[in-house]
């Protein structure tokens, strides 16, 4: 009897080890597709491996996370595929990220671009835009509402993007970058009818075939290119070149591999030329500089947005900055501490404050520097929202030490 029980335990142990080995291999093989060259990625193969992995280990948040991403990439590999998204795949994708949030509310596994909370927003927002492009307004409204119901479109990012729109002047153009700006902005305008006077334009999607045409057809943006050219314009070789629009001139550097301007860059430039500064132009914050047509030196920071200025800028007074940053910090009370993108955003706001406090300290304006540090400490708890860069935290400690002297 004793020998039989020992053999039975051995069989169970071996079976468990074998199953775990199978799971690890399936997870590894599924994840590997995401790291191959773009044209060699096979997301159908990723799905096949990861579906088997979650059957073996249904409580693995990481397996569900990557399966959700595999469904997402199978549905729309990049922005070009948004117009052909499939509702059933969106549901599958969302279900996986919702499962991750149930299993591990603050996901700590390996990540790709977005955390599970933000990915739910991105999926349903993209499906809504697919419906908008195909003139299915009711379906778009359903997709936005469904995404909100399932955990996307957080109170935090909707509040942030309301504040973004509030900083834009009437009938202005807002160039957005990143899912946590663009997609909540779409939601606010389409679902809540909020600040629809502002033309929201996603900079990355200008590289697609369908999006510039959609902007033109719906009157959201106008270009100085004909419809035929707008549909076919491609990237081109480019060297540092001076560009003039009205009385404003600046030098544009290549944005891609130091030798090219992308299709989206050329379409954005066409938009600026057609606009001819008749409408104010804003950018969302934390923008990829390569996508801003070398306009960095001509932007005025308004914390959540940067405004394109064609004349010499006047420095923002301390009282105005303090009032503005105080309003932004109030948004921190709505932060979902399980969502890395929301935590990262508040850390970005903290860096903005640190940069200003440092400048005041260098200029021996210790009172203003201390007030900003105190405001930051009162609004952003380092224990809940730690510094993403340890060296920045150490630098702040050095600032505090100098201010005590």
Protein backbone atom coordinates (compact mmCIF):
# COMPACT_ATOMS: atom_id res chain seq x y z
CA UNK A 1 0.00 0.00 0.00
CA UNK A 2 2.77 2.40 0.94
CA UNK A 3 4.54 1.66 -2.35
CA UNK A 4 1.31 2.28 -4.28
CA UNK A 5 0.79 5.71 -2.63
CA UNK A 6 4.41 6.65 -3.31
CA UNK A 7 4.02 5.73 -6.98
CA UNK A 8 0.76 7.66 -7.18
CA UNK A 9 2.35 10.79 -5.71
CA UNK A 10 5.25 10.44 -8.11
CA UNK A 11 2.84 10.29 -11.06
CA UNK A 12 0.97 13.38 -9.84
CA UNK A 13 4.19 15.29 -9.26
CA UNK A 14 5.57 14.37 -12.66
CA UNK A 15 2.26 15.33 -14.28
CA UNK A 16 2.27 18.73 -12.55
CA UNK A 17 5.87 19.40 -13.58
CA UNK A 18 5.10 18.34 -17.16
CA UNK A 19 2.02 20.58 -17.29
CA UNK A 20 3.97 23.53 -15.94
CA UNK A 21 6.69 22.92 -18.54
CA UNK A 22 4.05 22.82 -21.30
CA UNK A 23 2.51 26.06 -20.02
CA UNK A 24 5.86 27.87 -19.94
CA UNK A 25 6.65 26.77 -23.50
CA UNK A 26 3.24 27.82 -24.81
CA UNK A 27 3.50 31.20 -23.09
CA UNK A 28 7.03 31.72 -24.38
CA UNK A 29 6.08 30.78 -27.93
CA UNK A 30 3.00 33.02 -27.85
CA UNK A 31 4.95 35.99 -26.54
CA UNK A 32 7.75 35.51 -29.07
CA UNK A 33 5.54 36.68 -31.95
CA UNK A 34 5.42 40.19 -30.49
CA UNK A 35 9.18 40.58 -30.72
CA UNK A 36 9.71 39.45 -34.30
CA UNK A 37 10.17 41.82 -37.21
CA UNK A 38 6.87 43.49 -38.08
CA UNK A 39 6.31 41.60 -41.33
CA UNK A 40 7.14 38.25 -39.71
CA UNK A 41 4.74 38.48 -36.77
CA UNK A 42 2.09 35.75 -36.82
CA UNK A 43 -0.66 36.61 -34.36
CA UNK A 44 -2.82 33.65 -35.36
CA UNK A 45 0.05 31.45 -34.12
CA UNK A 46 0.32 33.59 -30.97
CA UNK A 47 -3.41 33.09 -30.30
CA UNK A 48 -3.13 29.32 -30.82
CA UNK A 49 -0.32 29.03 -28.27
CA UNK A 50 -1.78 31.42 -25.73
CA UNK A 51 -5.28 29.93 -25.81
CA UNK A 52 -3.71 26.61 -24.85
CA UNK A 53 -1.64 28.31 -22.16
CA UNK A 54 -4.66 29.85 -20.42
CA UNK A 55 -6.43 26.47 -20.47
CA UNK A 56 -3.49 24.98 -18.58
CA UNK A 57 -3.10 27.93 -16.21
CA UNK A 58 -6.40 29.86 -16.09
CA UNK A 59 -5.15 32.01 -13.20
CA UNK A 60 -2.10 33.31 -15.06
CA UNK A 61 -2.65 37.06 -15.49
CA UNK A 62 0.32 37.27 -17.84
CA UNK A 63 -1.04 34.59 -20.17
CA UNK A 64 -4.40 36.37 -20.34
CA UNK A 65 -2.64 39.71 -20.91
CA UNK A 66 -0.69 38.44 -23.91
CA UNK A 67 -3.70 36.56 -25.27
CA UNK A 68 -5.65 39.83 -25.12
CA UNK A 69 -2.88 41.58 -27.02
CA UNK A 70 -2.73 38.76 -29.57
CA UNK A 71 -6.47 39.11 -30.25
CA UNK A 72 -5.93 42.87 -30.52
CA UNK A 73 -3.11 42.58 -33.07
CA UNK A 74 -5.04 39.95 -35.01
CA UNK A 75 -7.94 42.40 -35.13
CA UNK A 76 -5.86 45.46 -36.08
CA UNK A 77 -2.11 45.10 -36.28
CA UNK A 78 -1.66 48.89 -36.40
CA UNK A 79 -3.65 52.05 -37.11
CA UNK A 80 -4.15 51.07 -40.74
CA UNK A 81 -6.36 48.18 -39.67
CA UNK A 82 -8.77 50.11 -37.46
CA UNK A 83 -11.30 50.55 -40.28
CA UNK A 84 -11.68 46.77 -40.63
CA UNK A 85 -11.95 45.84 -36.96
CA UNK A 86 -14.15 42.92 -35.97
CA UNK A 87 -16.60 43.19 -33.09
CA UNK A 88 -16.20 39.55 -32.03
CA UNK A 89 -12.40 39.89 -31.76
CA UNK A 90 -12.81 43.12 -29.81
CA UNK A 91 -15.03 41.28 -27.34
CA UNK A 92 -12.49 38.47 -27.00
CA UNK A 93 -9.69 40.95 -26.49
CA UNK A 94 -11.64 42.93 -23.89
CA UNK A 95 -12.63 39.79 -22.01
CA UNK A 96 -8.97 38.83 -21.61
CA UNK A 97 -7.96 42.23 -20.20
CA UNK A 98 -10.99 42.24 -17.92
CA UNK A 99 -9.85 38.83 -16.68
CA UNK A 100 -6.39 40.25 -15.98
CA UNK A 101 -7.97 43.04 -13.94
CA UNK A 102 -9.97 40.54 -11.90
CA UNK A 103 -7.01 38.22 -11.30
CA UNK A 104 -4.46 40.96 -10.63
CA UNK A 105 -5.97 44.48 -10.33
CA UNK A 106 -2.47 45.98 -10.48
CA UNK A 107 -0.90 43.88 -13.19
CA UNK A 108 2.80 43.20 -12.55
CA UNK A 109 3.64 40.83 -15.39
CA UNK A 110 5.54 41.61 -18.56
CA UNK A 111 3.89 44.40 -20.52
CA UNK A 112 3.85 45.70 -24.07
CA UNK A 113 2.60 49.24 -24.82
CA UNK A 114 -0.37 49.61 -22.45
CA UNK A 115 -1.56 48.26 -19.12
CA UNK A 116 -4.82 46.21 -19.10
CA UNK A 117 -7.04 49.13 -18.04
CA UNK A 118 -5.79 51.41 -20.81
CA UNK A 119 -5.93 48.61 -23.35
CA UNK A 120 -9.67 48.19 -22.79
CA UNK A 121 -10.08 51.89 -23.57
CA UNK A 122 -7.95 51.58 -26.71
CA UNK A 123 -9.81 48.56 -28.08
CA UNK A 124 -13.33 49.90 -27.69
CA UNK A 125 -12.34 53.39 -28.81
CA UNK A 126 -10.73 51.99 -31.95
CA UNK A 127 -13.83 49.90 -32.71
CA UNK A 128 -15.95 53.04 -32.24
CA UNK A 129 -13.75 54.91 -34.74
CA UNK A 130 -14.16 52.00 -37.16
CA UNK A 131 -17.92 52.48 -36.91
CA UNK A 132 -17.61 56.27 -37.30
CA UNK A 133 -15.54 55.81 -40.44
CA UNK A 134 -18.24 53.52 -41.82
CA UNK A 135 -21.02 56.01 -40.93
CA UNK A 136 -22.51 53.81 -38.17
CA UNK A 137 -23.00 56.42 -35.46
CA UNK A 138 -25.30 54.27 -33.29
CA UNK A 139 -22.78 51.41 -33.33
CA UNK A 140 -20.00 53.84 -32.40
CA UNK A 141 -22.02 55.09 -29.43
CA UNK A 142 -22.59 51.48 -28.36
CA UNK A 143 -18.86 50.70 -28.59
CA UNK A 144 -17.89 53.70 -26.48
CA UNK A 145 -20.57 52.83 -23.89
CA UNK A 146 -19.57 49.17 -23.83
CA UNK A 147 -15.93 50.11 -23.30
CA UNK A 148 -16.86 52.34 -20.37
CA UNK A 149 -19.01 49.61 -18.82
CA UNK A 150 -16.13 47.11 -19.05
CA UNK A 151 -13.57 49.29 -17.27
CA UNK A 152 -12.22 51.56 -19.98
CA UNK A 153 -12.54 55.34 -20.25
CA UNK A 154 -11.54 55.95 -16.64
CA UNK A 155 -12.74 58.92 -14.65
CA UNK A 156 -9.11 60.04 -14.41
CA UNK A 157 -8.31 60.18 -18.13
CA UNK A 158 -11.71 61.61 -19.03
CA UNK A 159 -11.10 64.38 -16.47
CA UNK A 160 -7.57 64.94 -17.77
CA UNK A 161 -8.80 65.24 -21.33
CA UNK A 162 -11.62 67.58 -20.36
CA UNK A 163 -8.90 69.76 -18.86
CA UNK A 164 -6.92 69.40 -22.09
CA UNK A 165 -9.88 70.62 -24.14
CA UNK A 166 -10.55 73.44 -21.67
CA UNK A 167 -7.05 74.78 -22.34
CA UNK A 168 -7.73 74.99 -26.06
CA UNK A 169 -9.17 78.21 -27.46
CA UNK A 170 -12.49 78.22 -29.31
CA UNK A 171 -12.46 76.52 -32.73
CA UNK A 172 -8.82 75.55 -32.35
CA UNK A 173 -6.95 72.50 -33.66
CA UNK A 174 -5.64 69.96 -31.14
CA UNK A 175 -2.95 67.56 -32.37
CA UNK A 176 -3.01 64.55 -30.08
CA UNK A 177 -0.60 61.68 -29.56
CA UNK A 178 -1.10 58.47 -27.61
CA UNK A 179 -4.14 56.32 -26.87
CA UNK A 180 -4.74 57.88 -23.45
CA UNK A 181 -5.24 61.27 -25.09
CA UNK A 182 -6.78 60.58 -28.49
CA UNK A 183 -9.34 57.93 -27.55
CA UNK A 184 -10.79 59.64 -24.43
CA UNK A 185 -10.95 62.84 -26.50
CA UNK A 186 -13.02 60.98 -29.09
CA UNK A 187 -15.28 59.71 -26.30
CA UNK A 188 -15.80 63.17 -24.82
CA UNK A 189 -16.71 64.72 -28.15
CA UNK A 190 -18.85 61.87 -29.50
CA UNK A 191 -20.59 60.65 -26.34
CA UNK A 192 -20.68 63.75 -24.14
CA UNK A 193 -20.70 66.33 -26.96
CA UNK A 194 -17.94 68.12 -25.06
CA UNK A 195 -15.98 70.88 -26.83
CA UNK A 196 -16.83 69.69 -30.31
CA UNK A 197 -15.61 73.04 -31.64
CA UNK A 198 -12.04 71.75 -31.20
CA UNK A 199 -10.71 69.67 -34.11
CA UNK A 200 -8.97 66.67 -32.53
CA UNK A 201 -6.40 65.12 -34.87
CA UNK A 202 -4.31 62.07 -33.98
CA UNK A 203 -0.80 62.56 -35.34
CA UNK A 204 0.01 58.86 -35.83
CA UNK A 205 -3.16 58.10 -37.77
CA UNK A 206 -2.25 60.72 -40.38
CA UNK A 207 0.11 58.04 -41.72
CA UNK A 208 -2.85 55.81 -42.62
CA UNK A 209 -4.88 55.89 -45.86
CA UNK A 210 -8.30 56.22 -44.25
CA UNK A 211 -7.89 58.79 -41.48
CA UNK A 212 -6.93 61.95 -43.46
CA UNK A 213 -9.81 61.20 -45.84
CA UNK A 214 -12.19 60.87 -42.86
CA UNK A 215 -11.02 64.22 -41.45
CA UNK A 216 -11.58 65.90 -44.81
CA UNK A 217 -14.95 64.24 -45.52
CA UNK A 218 -16.37 65.18 -42.12
CA UNK A 219 -14.94 68.71 -42.22
CA UNK A 220 -12.81 68.16 -39.13
CA UNK A 221 -9.67 69.35 -40.95
CA UNK A 222 -8.83 70.85 -44.33
CA UNK A 223 -5.65 70.42 -46.35
CA UNK A 224 -3.97 72.24 -49.22
CA UNK A 225 -3.73 68.94 -51.10
CA UNK A 226 -6.33 67.59 -53.50
CA UNK A 227 -8.28 64.49 -52.48
CA UNK A 228 -6.30 62.38 -54.96
CA UNK A 229 -2.94 63.58 -53.61
CA UNK A 230 -4.13 63.23 -50.02
CA UNK A 231 -4.92 59.57 -50.71
CA UNK A 232 -1.60 58.77 -52.39
CA UNK A 233 1.09 61.03 -50.87
CA UNK A 234 3.92 58.99 -49.40
CA UNK A 235 7.13 59.53 -47.43
CA UNK A 236 9.90 61.46 -49.16
CA UNK A 237 13.59 62.17 -48.80
CA UNK A 238 14.21 65.32 -46.80
CA UNK A 239 17.06 67.52 -45.64
CA UNK A 240 16.91 70.36 -43.12
CA UNK A 241 14.75 72.90 -44.95
CA UNK A 242 13.19 76.27 -44.18
CA UNK A 243 9.41 76.33 -44.49
CA UNK A 244 7.33 79.51 -44.52
CA UNK A 245 3.63 79.90 -43.79
CA UNK A 246 2.51 83.49 -43.98
CA UNK A 247 4.98 85.51 -41.92
CA UNK A 248 6.10 82.50 -39.88
CA UNK A 249 9.20 80.57 -40.92
CA UNK A 250 11.05 77.69 -39.29
CA UNK A 251 13.44 74.91 -40.20
CA UNK A 252 12.10 71.36 -40.46
CA UNK A 253 14.52 68.49 -39.87
CA UNK A 254 13.98 64.94 -41.16
CA UNK A 255 11.71 62.97 -38.82
CA UNK A 256 12.61 59.43 -39.86
CA UNK A 257 16.10 57.92 -39.95
CA UNK A 258 17.53 61.43 -40.39
CA UNK A 259 16.71 61.36 -44.10
CA UNK A 260 12.94 61.30 -44.55
CA UNK A 261 9.61 62.92 -43.82
CA UNK A 262 6.81 60.41 -43.34
CA UNK A 263 3.44 60.52 -45.07
CA UNK A 264 1.85 61.78 -41.85
CA UNK A 265 4.44 64.59 -41.55
CA UNK A 266 3.64 65.83 -45.05
CA UNK A 267 -0.10 65.69 -44.41
CA UNK A 268 0.36 67.56 -41.12
CA UNK A 269 2.37 70.22 -42.95
CA UNK A 270 -0.42 70.46 -45.54
CA UNK A 271 -2.90 71.03 -42.71
CA UNK A 272 -0.75 73.82 -41.24
CA UNK A 273 -0.41 75.50 -44.63
CA UNK A 274 -4.14 75.38 -45.29
CA UNK A 275 -4.93 76.66 -41.80
CA UNK A 276 -2.42 79.53 -42.19
CA UNK A 277 -2.79 80.22 -38.44
CA UNK A 278 -6.46 81.17 -38.78
CA UNK A 279 -7.18 78.68 -35.97
CA UNK A 280 -4.94 78.26 -32.93
CA UNK A 281 -2.94 75.02 -32.91
CA UNK A 282 -2.26 73.01 -29.75
CA UNK A 283 -0.44 69.76 -28.99
CA UNK A 284 -1.13 67.33 -26.18
CA UNK A 285 1.72 67.04 -23.70
CA UNK A 286 4.52 64.41 -23.70
CA UNK A 287 4.64 64.48 -27.50
CA UNK A 288 7.21 62.64 -29.59
CA UNK A 289 9.34 65.51 -30.90
CA UNK A 290 9.96 63.76 -34.23
CA UNK A 291 6.25 64.08 -34.95
CA UNK A 292 5.99 67.84 -34.30
CA UNK A 293 7.78 69.02 -37.45
CA UNK A 294 10.64 70.60 -35.48
CA UNK A 295 8.27 73.10 -33.83
CA UNK A 296 9.55 72.60 -30.27
CA UNK A 297 11.12 76.05 -30.00
CA UNK A 298 7.85 77.68 -31.05
CA UNK A 299 5.61 76.13 -28.42
CA UNK A 300 4.30 77.66 -25.21
CA UNK A 301 3.64 75.18 -22.42
CA UNK A 302 0.24 75.22 -20.75
CA UNK A 303 1.10 72.06 -18.72
CA UNK A 304 -1.47 69.75 -20.33
CA UNK A 305 -1.09 71.23 -23.80
CA UNK A 306 1.52 73.16 -25.76
CA UNK A 307 0.36 76.07 -27.92
CA UNK A 308 2.01 76.90 -31.23
CA UNK A 309 3.21 80.51 -31.02
CA UNK A 310 4.36 82.42 -34.10
CA UNK A 311 5.69 85.41 -32.19
CA UNK A 312 8.19 85.81 -29.37
CA UNK A 313 6.89 84.19 -26.22
CA UNK A 314 6.39 85.95 -22.91
CA UNK A 315 7.46 83.91 -19.87
CA UNK A 316 4.59 82.60 -17.75
CA UNK A 317 4.42 84.40 -14.42
CA UNK A 318 4.83 82.37 -11.23
CA UNK A 319 1.33 83.11 -9.91
CA UNK A 320 -0.23 81.90 -13.17
CA UNK A 321 1.86 78.72 -13.24
CA UNK A 322 1.05 77.93 -9.61
CA UNK A 323 -2.67 78.42 -10.23
CA UNK A 324 -2.58 76.23 -13.36
CA UNK A 325 -0.56 73.41 -11.82
CA UNK A 326 -2.78 73.42 -8.72
CA UNK A 327 -5.82 72.70 -10.91
CA UNK A 328 -3.98 69.88 -12.65
CA UNK A 329 -2.91 68.34 -9.35
CA UNK A 330 -6.55 68.16 -8.26
CA UNK A 331 -7.00 65.49 -10.92
CA UNK A 332 -4.67 63.25 -8.94
CA UNK A 333 -7.46 62.43 -6.49
CA UNK A 334 -9.11 60.42 -9.30
CA UNK A 335 -6.02 58.31 -10.07
CA UNK A 336 -6.55 54.55 -10.31
CA UNK A 337 -3.43 53.30 -8.53
CA UNK A 338 -3.83 49.95 -10.28
CA UNK A 339 -3.36 51.60 -13.69
CA UNK A 340 0.27 52.19 -14.63
CA UNK A 341 -0.61 54.72 -17.32
CA UNK A 342 -2.43 56.89 -14.78
CA UNK A 343 0.44 56.61 -12.30
CA UNK A 344 2.93 57.49 -15.05
CA UNK A 345 0.88 60.51 -16.02
CA UNK A 346 0.93 61.89 -12.48
CA UNK A 347 4.68 61.22 -12.35
CA UNK A 348 5.01 63.27 -15.55
CA UNK A 349 3.15 66.15 -13.89
CA UNK A 350 5.53 65.84 -10.94
CA UNK A 351 8.51 66.19 -13.31
CA UNK A 352 6.96 69.38 -14.67
CA UNK A 353 6.81 70.82 -11.16
CA UNK A 354 10.35 69.72 -10.36
CA UNK A 355 11.68 71.42 -13.50
CA UNK A 356 10.02 74.69 -12.54
CA UNK A 357 11.08 74.45 -8.88
CA UNK A 358 14.65 73.74 -9.97
CA UNK A 359 14.68 76.81 -12.20
CA UNK A 360 13.44 79.00 -9.36
CA UNK A 361 16.07 77.53 -7.05
CA UNK A 362 18.87 78.19 -9.56
CA UNK A 363 17.66 81.79 -9.82
CA UNK A 364 17.68 82.03 -6.00
CA UNK A 365 13.93 82.34 -5.77
CA UNK A 366 13.79 79.92 -2.86
CA UNK A 367 10.31 80.91 -1.69
CA UNK A 368 8.71 79.96 -5.00
CA UNK A 369 10.76 76.76 -5.23
CA UNK A 370 9.70 75.71 -1.73
CA UNK A 371 6.05 76.47 -2.41
CA UNK A 372 6.07 74.26 -5.50
CA UNK A 373 7.81 71.39 -3.69
CA UNK A 374 5.31 71.65 -0.84
CA UNK A 375 2.41 71.70 -3.30
CA UNK A 376 3.79 68.62 -5.05
CA UNK A 377 4.33 66.72 -1.78
CA UNK A 378 0.81 67.51 -0.60
CA UNK A 379 -0.77 66.29 -3.83
CA UNK A 380 1.35 63.31 -4.92
CA UNK A 381 2.20 60.69 -2.30
CA UNK A 382 5.57 59.13 -3.13
CA UNK A 383 4.56 55.90 -1.37
CA UNK A 384 1.60 55.46 -3.72
CA UNK A 385 3.15 57.01 -6.82
CA UNK A 386 6.89 56.35 -6.63
CA UNK A 387 9.33 58.08 -8.96
CA UNK A 388 9.75 56.21 -12.23
CA UNK A 389 13.37 57.39 -12.25
CA UNK A 390 15.15 56.93 -8.90
CA UNK A 391 17.68 59.62 -9.80
CA UNK A 392 14.90 62.20 -10.05
CA UNK A 393 13.80 61.33 -6.52
CA UNK A 394 17.37 61.73 -5.33
CA UNK A 395 17.61 65.10 -7.09
CA UNK A 396 14.46 66.30 -5.29
CA UNK A 397 16.03 65.31 -1.96
CA UNK A 398 19.06 67.42 -2.85
CA UNK A 399 16.74 70.33 -3.65
CA UNK A 400 15.03 69.95 -0.28
CA UNK A 401 18.41 69.97 1.47
CA UNK A 402 19.42 73.20 -0.29
CA UNK A 403 16.13 74.86 0.59
CA UNK A 404 16.64 74.06 4.29
CA UNK A 405 19.96 75.92 4.41
